[in-house]
């Protein structure tokens, strides 16, 4: 009986240790200043669940304010993202620019905003091919799906092949890593240049190296 109990305690301790390790790996390398997505309140505790995702109306209002106007193209791009992935739990708004002679670079900076939660400055950079000569700058509004903390954002996000959607001067494409999906929305020349990005690397600090 003592051997059985000792084995049971060892098994429980091992399971707890594995669960803790997996949770730590899932969170990544957290740094001071990183923020967490608000979690829903447990309904079994007798409290109402929190609304942790943005509705289409909320996203449209925020994006329209950011871009300075509401257009049919913007509304259609948002509707497309909601149809494909549902309601985001965060978004990033910011500016990006770059230049190229066939092979180019693109850099951006903005703010990550969780629904009902905190905000954090973020930066991104990535290589590209097939741009026109010269440079450009544009605004970008990115819908973010399944992000539990800002720590998970700081990695490379490859562009999803064939996901580019362009309508009435507004472009939308998807970047994906695991179950985290980013949906950048660009207008004007920015949508054309952004379409050629192979991947985007999101970082806590600005970097001149797009790796």
C-alpha atoms as a PDB file:
ATOM      1  CA  UNK A   1       0.000   0.000   0.000  1.00  0.00           C
ATOM      2  CA  UNK A   2       2.858   2.406   0.861  1.00  0.00           C
ATOM      3  CA  UNK A   3       4.527   1.639  -2.487  1.00  0.00           C
ATOM      4  CA  UNK A   4       1.218   2.276  -4.275  1.00  0.00           C
ATOM      5  CA  UNK A   5       0.706   5.617  -2.519  1.00  0.00           C
ATOM      6  CA  UNK A   6       4.295   6.678  -3.194  1.00  0.00           C
ATOM      7  CA  UNK A   7       3.865   5.767  -6.862  1.00  0.00           C
ATOM      8  CA  UNK A   8       0.602   7.681  -7.025  1.00  0.00           C
ATOM      9  CA  UNK A   9       2.197  10.783  -5.507  1.00  0.00           C
ATOM     10  CA  UNK A  10       5.102  10.501  -7.931  1.00  0.00           C
ATOM     11  CA  UNK A  11       2.717  10.173 -10.887  1.00  0.00           C
ATOM     12  CA  UNK A  12       0.717  13.217  -9.811  1.00  0.00           C
ATOM     13  CA  UNK A  13       3.885  15.262  -9.307  1.00  0.00           C
ATOM     14  CA  UNK A  14       5.182  14.241 -12.735  1.00  0.00           C
ATOM     15  CA  UNK A  15       1.887  15.132 -14.412  1.00  0.00           C
ATOM     16  CA  UNK A  16       1.841  18.505 -12.668  1.00  0.00           C
ATOM     17  CA  UNK A  17       5.418  19.179 -13.717  1.00  0.00           C
ATOM     18  CA  UNK A  18       4.685  18.325 -17.347  1.00  0.00           C
ATOM     19  CA  UNK A  19       1.592  20.539 -17.355  1.00  0.00           C
ATOM     20  CA  UNK A  20       3.588  23.426 -15.898  1.00  0.00           C
ATOM     21  CA  UNK A  21       6.349  22.982 -18.476  1.00  0.00           C
ATOM     22  CA  UNK A  22       3.854  22.894 -21.351  1.00  0.00           C
ATOM     23  CA  UNK A  23       2.164  26.048 -20.042  1.00  0.00           C
ATOM     24  CA  UNK A  24       5.527  27.807 -19.844  1.00  0.00           C
ATOM     25  CA  UNK A  25       6.383  26.778 -23.396  1.00  0.00           C
ATOM     26  CA  UNK A  26       2.988  27.958 -24.628  1.00  0.00           C
ATOM     27  CA  UNK A  27       3.563  31.394 -23.099  1.00  0.00           C
ATOM     28  CA  UNK A  28       7.021  31.732 -24.633  1.00  0.00           C
ATOM     29  CA  UNK A  29       9.723  33.990 -23.269  1.00  0.00           C
ATOM     30  CA  UNK A  30       7.739  36.627 -21.400  1.00  0.00           C
ATOM     31  CA  UNK A  31       9.413  39.969 -20.752  1.00  0.00           C
ATOM     32  CA  UNK A  32       8.548  42.941 -18.534  1.00  0.00           C
ATOM     33  CA  UNK A  33       5.875  45.021 -20.225  1.00  0.00           C
ATOM     34  CA  UNK A  34       4.214  42.101 -22.023  1.00  0.00           C
ATOM     35  CA  UNK A  35       0.444  41.983 -21.565  1.00  0.00           C
ATOM     36  CA  UNK A  36      -2.152  39.234 -21.267  1.00  0.00           C
ATOM     37  CA  UNK A  37      -5.469  38.903 -23.055  1.00  0.00           C
ATOM     38  CA  UNK A  38      -8.426  39.158 -20.645  1.00  0.00           C
ATOM     39  CA  UNK A  39      -9.950  35.743 -19.954  1.00  0.00           C
ATOM     40  CA  UNK A  40     -13.638  34.990 -19.709  1.00  0.00           C
ATOM     41  CA  UNK A  41     -15.027  34.806 -16.200  1.00  0.00           C
ATOM     42  CA  UNK A  42     -15.996  31.274 -15.168  1.00  0.00           C
ATOM     43  CA  UNK A  43     -19.774  31.046 -15.478  1.00  0.00           C
ATOM     44  CA  UNK A  44     -19.793  28.297 -12.850  1.00  0.00           C
ATOM     45  CA  UNK A  45     -18.567  30.841 -10.305  1.00  0.00           C
ATOM     46  CA  UNK A  46     -21.880  32.664 -10.697  1.00  0.00           C
ATOM     47  CA  UNK A  47     -20.463  35.589 -12.667  1.00  0.00           C
ATOM     48  CA  UNK A  48     -21.338  36.701 -16.179  1.00  0.00           C
ATOM     49  CA  UNK A  49     -18.723  35.885 -18.837  1.00  0.00           C
ATOM     50  CA  UNK A  50     -16.642  38.807 -20.089  1.00  0.00           C
ATOM     51  CA  UNK A  51     -16.789  39.877 -23.720  1.00  0.00           C
ATOM     52  CA  UNK A  52     -13.232  39.273 -24.895  1.00  0.00           C
ATOM     53  CA  UNK A  53     -13.658  39.620 -28.670  1.00  0.00           C
ATOM     54  CA  UNK A  54     -14.511  42.513 -30.980  1.00  0.00           C
ATOM     55  CA  UNK A  55     -17.753  42.616 -32.932  1.00  0.00           C
ATOM     56  CA  UNK A  56     -17.816  43.592 -36.596  1.00  0.00           C
ATOM     57  CA  UNK A  57     -19.340  46.935 -35.647  1.00  0.00           C
ATOM     58  CA  UNK A  58     -16.557  47.657 -33.154  1.00  0.00           C
ATOM     59  CA  UNK A  59     -13.831  46.746 -35.637  1.00  0.00           C
ATOM     60  CA  UNK A  60     -15.420  48.805 -38.404  1.00  0.00           C
ATOM     61  CA  UNK A  61     -15.699  51.837 -36.122  1.00  0.00           C
ATOM     62  CA  UNK A  62     -12.079  51.532 -34.935  1.00  0.00           C
ATOM     63  CA  UNK A  63     -10.691  50.930 -38.445  1.00  0.00           C
ATOM     64  CA  UNK A  64     -12.718  53.774 -39.964  1.00  0.00           C
ATOM     65  CA  UNK A  65     -11.467  56.163 -37.285  1.00  0.00           C
ATOM     66  CA  UNK A  66      -7.897  55.001 -37.856  1.00  0.00           C
ATOM     67  CA  UNK A  67      -7.992  55.318 -41.661  1.00  0.00           C
ATOM     68  CA  UNK A  68     -10.017  58.535 -41.464  1.00  0.00           C
ATOM     69  CA  UNK A  69     -13.020  57.335 -43.434  1.00  0.00           C
ATOM     70  CA  UNK A  70     -15.371  54.441 -44.049  1.00  0.00           C
ATOM     71  CA  UNK A  71     -15.379  52.910 -47.508  1.00  0.00           C
ATOM     72  CA  UNK A  72     -17.048  50.001 -49.224  1.00  0.00           C
ATOM     73  CA  UNK A  73     -13.651  48.357 -49.673  1.00  0.00           C
ATOM     74  CA  UNK A  74     -12.844  48.582 -45.954  1.00  0.00           C
ATOM     75  CA  UNK A  75     -16.261  47.212 -44.972  1.00  0.00           C
ATOM     76  CA  UNK A  76     -15.887  44.312 -47.416  1.00  0.00           C
ATOM     77  CA  UNK A  77     -12.384  43.472 -46.190  1.00  0.00           C
ATOM     78  CA  UNK A  78     -13.572  43.369 -42.574  1.00  0.00           C
ATOM     79  CA  UNK A  79     -16.577  41.236 -43.555  1.00  0.00           C
ATOM     80  CA  UNK A  80     -14.230  38.824 -45.362  1.00  0.00           C
ATOM     81  CA  UNK A  81     -12.009  38.418 -42.281  1.00  0.00           C
ATOM     82  CA  UNK A  82     -15.035  37.846 -40.031  1.00  0.00           C
ATOM     83  CA  UNK A  83     -16.411  35.264 -42.446  1.00  0.00           C
ATOM     84  CA  UNK A  84     -13.100  33.381 -42.532  1.00  0.00           C
ATOM     85  CA  UNK A  85     -12.038  33.570 -38.864  1.00  0.00           C
ATOM     86  CA  UNK A  86     -14.817  35.109 -36.788  1.00  0.00           C
ATOM     87  CA  UNK A  87     -14.333  37.773 -34.124  1.00  0.00           C
ATOM     88  CA  UNK A  88     -10.761  38.847 -33.253  1.00  0.00           C
ATOM     89  CA  UNK A  89      -9.674  39.303 -29.654  1.00  0.00           C
ATOM     90  CA  UNK A  90      -7.160  42.052 -30.485  1.00  0.00           C
ATOM     91  CA  UNK A  91      -5.993  44.366 -33.234  1.00  0.00           C
ATOM     92  CA  UNK A  92      -2.839  46.265 -34.182  1.00  0.00           C
ATOM     93  CA  UNK A  93      -2.966  49.747 -35.665  1.00  0.00           C
ATOM     94  CA  UNK A  94       0.134  51.454 -37.004  1.00  0.00           C
ATOM     95  CA  UNK A  95       2.187  52.630 -39.942  1.00  0.00           C
ATOM     96  CA  UNK A  96       4.721  50.925 -42.149  1.00  0.00           C
ATOM     97  CA  UNK A  97       7.042  51.892 -44.943  1.00  0.00           C
ATOM     98  CA  UNK A  98       9.822  50.570 -47.066  1.00  0.00           C
ATOM     99  CA  UNK A  99      11.558  50.620 -50.369  1.00  0.00           C
ATOM    100  CA  UNK A 100      12.901  48.223 -52.937  1.00  0.00           C
ATOM    101  CA  UNK A 101      14.671  47.587 -56.175  1.00  0.00           C
ATOM    102  CA  UNK A 102      13.089  44.192 -56.954  1.00  0.00           C
ATOM    103  CA  UNK A 103      14.136  42.884 -53.519  1.00  0.00           C
ATOM    104  CA  UNK A 104      13.108  45.110 -50.647  1.00  0.00           C
ATOM    105  CA  UNK A 105      12.453  45.571 -46.972  1.00  0.00           C
ATOM    106  CA  UNK A 106       9.450  46.753 -45.010  1.00  0.00           C
ATOM    107  CA  UNK A 107       9.321  48.130 -41.490  1.00  0.00           C
ATOM    108  CA  UNK A 108       6.404  49.037 -39.272  1.00  0.00           C
ATOM    109  CA  UNK A 109       5.444  50.145 -35.807  1.00  0.00           C
ATOM    110  CA  UNK A 110       2.129  50.255 -34.012  1.00  0.00           C
ATOM    111  CA  UNK A 111       0.086  49.393 -30.950  1.00  0.00           C
ATOM    112  CA  UNK A 112      -1.394  46.041 -29.982  1.00  0.00           C
ATOM    113  CA  UNK A 113      -4.802  46.496 -28.353  1.00  0.00           C
ATOM    114  CA  UNK A 114      -6.667  43.672 -26.587  1.00  0.00           C
ATOM    115  CA  UNK A 115     -10.452  43.808 -26.175  1.00  0.00           C
ATOM    116  CA  UNK A 116     -11.088  44.976 -22.626  1.00  0.00           C
ATOM    117  CA  UNK A 117      -7.398  44.782 -21.827  1.00  0.00           C
ATOM    118  CA  UNK A 118      -4.107  46.587 -22.090  1.00  0.00           C
ATOM    119  CA  UNK A 119      -2.082  47.865 -25.014  1.00  0.00           C
ATOM    120  CA  UNK A 120       1.570  47.517 -25.986  1.00  0.00           C
ATOM    121  CA  UNK A 121       3.898  49.005 -28.582  1.00  0.00           C
ATOM    122  CA  UNK A 122       5.025  46.533 -31.234  1.00  0.00           C
ATOM    123  CA  UNK A 123       7.326  46.627 -34.251  1.00  0.00           C
ATOM    124  CA  UNK A 124       7.582  44.475 -37.358  1.00  0.00           C
ATOM    125  CA  UNK A 125       9.890  43.970 -40.304  1.00  0.00           C
ATOM    126  CA  UNK A 126      10.161  41.612 -43.237  1.00  0.00           C
ATOM    127  CA  UNK A 127      11.767  40.998 -46.640  1.00  0.00           C
ATOM    128  CA  UNK A 128       9.892  41.104 -49.920  1.00  0.00           C
ATOM    129  CA  UNK A 129      10.318  40.544 -53.637  1.00  0.00           C
ATOM    130  CA  UNK A 130       8.623  41.975 -56.706  1.00  0.00           C
ATOM    131  CA  UNK A 131       8.106  45.553 -55.559  1.00  0.00           C
ATOM    132  CA  UNK A 132       8.187  48.562 -57.807  1.00  0.00           C
ATOM    133  CA  UNK A 133      11.228  50.819 -57.653  1.00  0.00           C
ATOM    134  CA  UNK A 134      11.200  53.422 -54.896  1.00  0.00           C
ATOM    135  CA  UNK A 135       9.545  53.551 -51.504  1.00  0.00           C
ATOM    136  CA  UNK A 136       6.215  54.128 -49.854  1.00  0.00           C
ATOM    137  CA  UNK A 137       4.478  54.455 -46.510  1.00  0.00           C
ATOM    138  CA  UNK A 138       0.992  53.458 -45.447  1.00  0.00           C
ATOM    139  CA  UNK A 139      -1.337  52.759 -42.547  1.00  0.00           C
ATOM    140  CA  UNK A 140      -2.058  49.176 -41.500  1.00  0.00           C
ATOM    141  CA  UNK A 141      -4.911  47.866 -39.341  1.00  0.00           C
ATOM    142  CA  UNK A 142      -4.402  44.213 -38.383  1.00  0.00           C
ATOM    143  CA  UNK A 143      -7.041  41.928 -36.883  1.00  0.00           C
ATOM    144  CA  UNK A 144      -5.563  39.421 -34.415  1.00  0.00           C
ATOM    145  CA  UNK A 145      -7.045  36.007 -33.625  1.00  0.00           C
ATOM    146  CA  UNK A 146      -6.347  33.525 -30.796  1.00  0.00           C
ATOM    147  CA  UNK A 147      -3.598  35.546 -29.140  1.00  0.00           C
ATOM    148  CA  UNK A 148      -3.454  34.834 -25.396  1.00  0.00           C
ATOM    149  CA  UNK A 149      -0.627  37.253 -24.602  1.00  0.00           C
ATOM    150  CA  UNK A 150       1.606  39.719 -26.416  1.00  0.00           C
ATOM    151  CA  UNK A 151       4.493  37.313 -25.783  1.00  0.00           C
ATOM    152  CA  UNK A 152       3.069  35.003 -28.457  1.00  0.00           C
ATOM    153  CA  UNK A 153       3.120  37.795 -31.037  1.00  0.00           C
ATOM    154  CA  UNK A 154       6.888  38.164 -31.008  1.00  0.00           C
ATOM    155  CA  UNK A 155       7.855  35.649 -33.689  1.00  0.00           C
ATOM    156  CA  UNK A 156       7.791  35.214 -37.467  1.00  0.00           C
ATOM    157  CA  UNK A 157       4.421  34.978 -39.194  1.00  0.00           C
ATOM    158  CA  UNK A 158       4.571  33.540 -42.734  1.00  0.00           C
ATOM    159  CA  UNK A 159       2.078  34.887 -45.248  1.00  0.00           C
ATOM    160  CA  UNK A 160      -0.649  32.422 -46.215  1.00  0.00           C
ATOM    161  CA  UNK A 161      -0.292  31.620 -49.915  1.00  0.00           C
ATOM    162  CA  UNK A 162      -3.240  32.664 -52.045  1.00  0.00           C
ATOM    163  CA  UNK A 163      -4.904  34.633 -49.258  1.00  0.00           C
ATOM    164  CA  UNK A 164      -4.590  38.099 -50.828  1.00  0.00           C
ATOM    165  CA  UNK A 165      -7.997  39.757 -51.171  1.00  0.00           C
ATOM    166  CA  UNK A 166      -8.236  43.154 -52.887  1.00  0.00           C
ATOM    167  CA  UNK A 167     -11.434  45.156 -53.348  1.00  0.00           C
ATOM    168  CA  UNK A 168     -12.054  48.839 -54.041  1.00  0.00           C
ATOM    169  CA  UNK A 169      -8.561  50.005 -53.092  1.00  0.00           C
ATOM    170  CA  UNK A 170      -8.318  47.957 -49.878  1.00  0.00           C
ATOM    171  CA  UNK A 171      -6.216  44.838 -49.452  1.00  0.00           C
ATOM    172  CA  UNK A 172      -6.413  41.997 -46.936  1.00  0.00           C
ATOM    173  CA  UNK A 173      -4.140  39.003 -46.514  1.00  0.00           C
ATOM    174  CA  UNK A 174      -3.435  36.488 -43.755  1.00  0.00           C
ATOM    175  CA  UNK A 175      -0.333  35.624 -41.764  1.00  0.00           C
ATOM    176  CA  UNK A 176      -0.385  32.500 -39.619  1.00  0.00           C
ATOM    177  CA  UNK A 177       1.713  30.733 -36.997  1.00  0.00           C
ATOM    178  CA  UNK A 178       0.109  27.773 -35.256  1.00  0.00           C
ATOM    179  CA  UNK A 179      -3.443  28.753 -34.394  1.00  0.00           C
ATOM    180  CA  UNK A 180      -2.638  32.476 -34.237  1.00  0.00           C
ATOM    181  CA  UNK A 181      -3.853  34.386 -37.293  1.00  0.00           C
ATOM    182  CA  UNK A 182      -3.105  37.977 -38.260  1.00  0.00           C
ATOM    183  CA  UNK A 183      -5.169  39.768 -40.892  1.00  0.00           C
ATOM    184  CA  UNK A 184      -3.499  43.029 -42.016  1.00  0.00           C
ATOM    185  CA  UNK A 185      -5.727  45.497 -43.856  1.00  0.00           C
ATOM    186  CA  UNK A 186      -3.960  48.060 -46.052  1.00  0.00           C
ATOM    187  CA  UNK A 187      -5.109  50.836 -48.335  1.00  0.00           C
ATOM    188  CA  UNK A 188      -3.668  52.409 -51.478  1.00  0.00           C
ATOM    189  CA  UNK A 189      -0.098  51.589 -52.417  1.00  0.00           C
ATOM    190  CA  UNK A 190       0.427  49.836 -49.105  1.00  0.00           C
ATOM    191  CA  UNK A 191      -1.798  46.924 -50.026  1.00  0.00           C
ATOM    192  CA  UNK A 192       0.143  46.292 -53.224  1.00  0.00           C
ATOM    193  CA  UNK A 193       3.537  46.300 -51.531  1.00  0.00           C
ATOM    194  CA  UNK A 194       2.358  44.265 -48.561  1.00  0.00           C
ATOM    195  CA  UNK A 195       1.106  41.501 -50.824  1.00  0.00           C
ATOM    196  CA  UNK A 196       4.648  40.445 -51.697  1.00  0.00           C
ATOM    197  CA  UNK A 197       5.833  39.895 -48.133  1.00  0.00           C
ATOM    198  CA  UNK A 198       7.086  36.350 -47.511  1.00  0.00           C
ATOM    199  CA  UNK A 199       6.900  36.686 -43.746  1.00  0.00           C
ATOM    200  CA  UNK A 200       6.703  39.347 -41.055  1.00  0.00           C
ATOM    201  CA  UNK A 201       8.744  39.296 -37.853  1.00  0.00           C
ATOM    202  CA  UNK A 202       7.068  41.038 -34.898  1.00  0.00           C
ATOM    203  CA  UNK A 203       9.349  42.340 -32.136  1.00  0.00           C
ATOM    204  CA  UNK A 204       9.255  44.306 -28.898  1.00  0.00           C
ATOM    205  CA  UNK A 205      11.828  46.812 -30.163  1.00  0.00           C
ATOM    206  CA  UNK A 206      12.625  48.316 -33.538  1.00  0.00           C
ATOM    207  CA  UNK A 207      15.209  46.406 -35.573  1.00  0.00           C
ATOM    208  CA  UNK A 208      16.957  47.124 -38.858  1.00  0.00           C
ATOM    209  CA  UNK A 209      17.506  43.419 -39.512  1.00  0.00           C
ATOM    210  CA  UNK A 210      14.407  41.784 -41.069  1.00  0.00           C
ATOM    211  CA  UNK A 211      15.118  38.262 -39.740  1.00  0.00           C
END
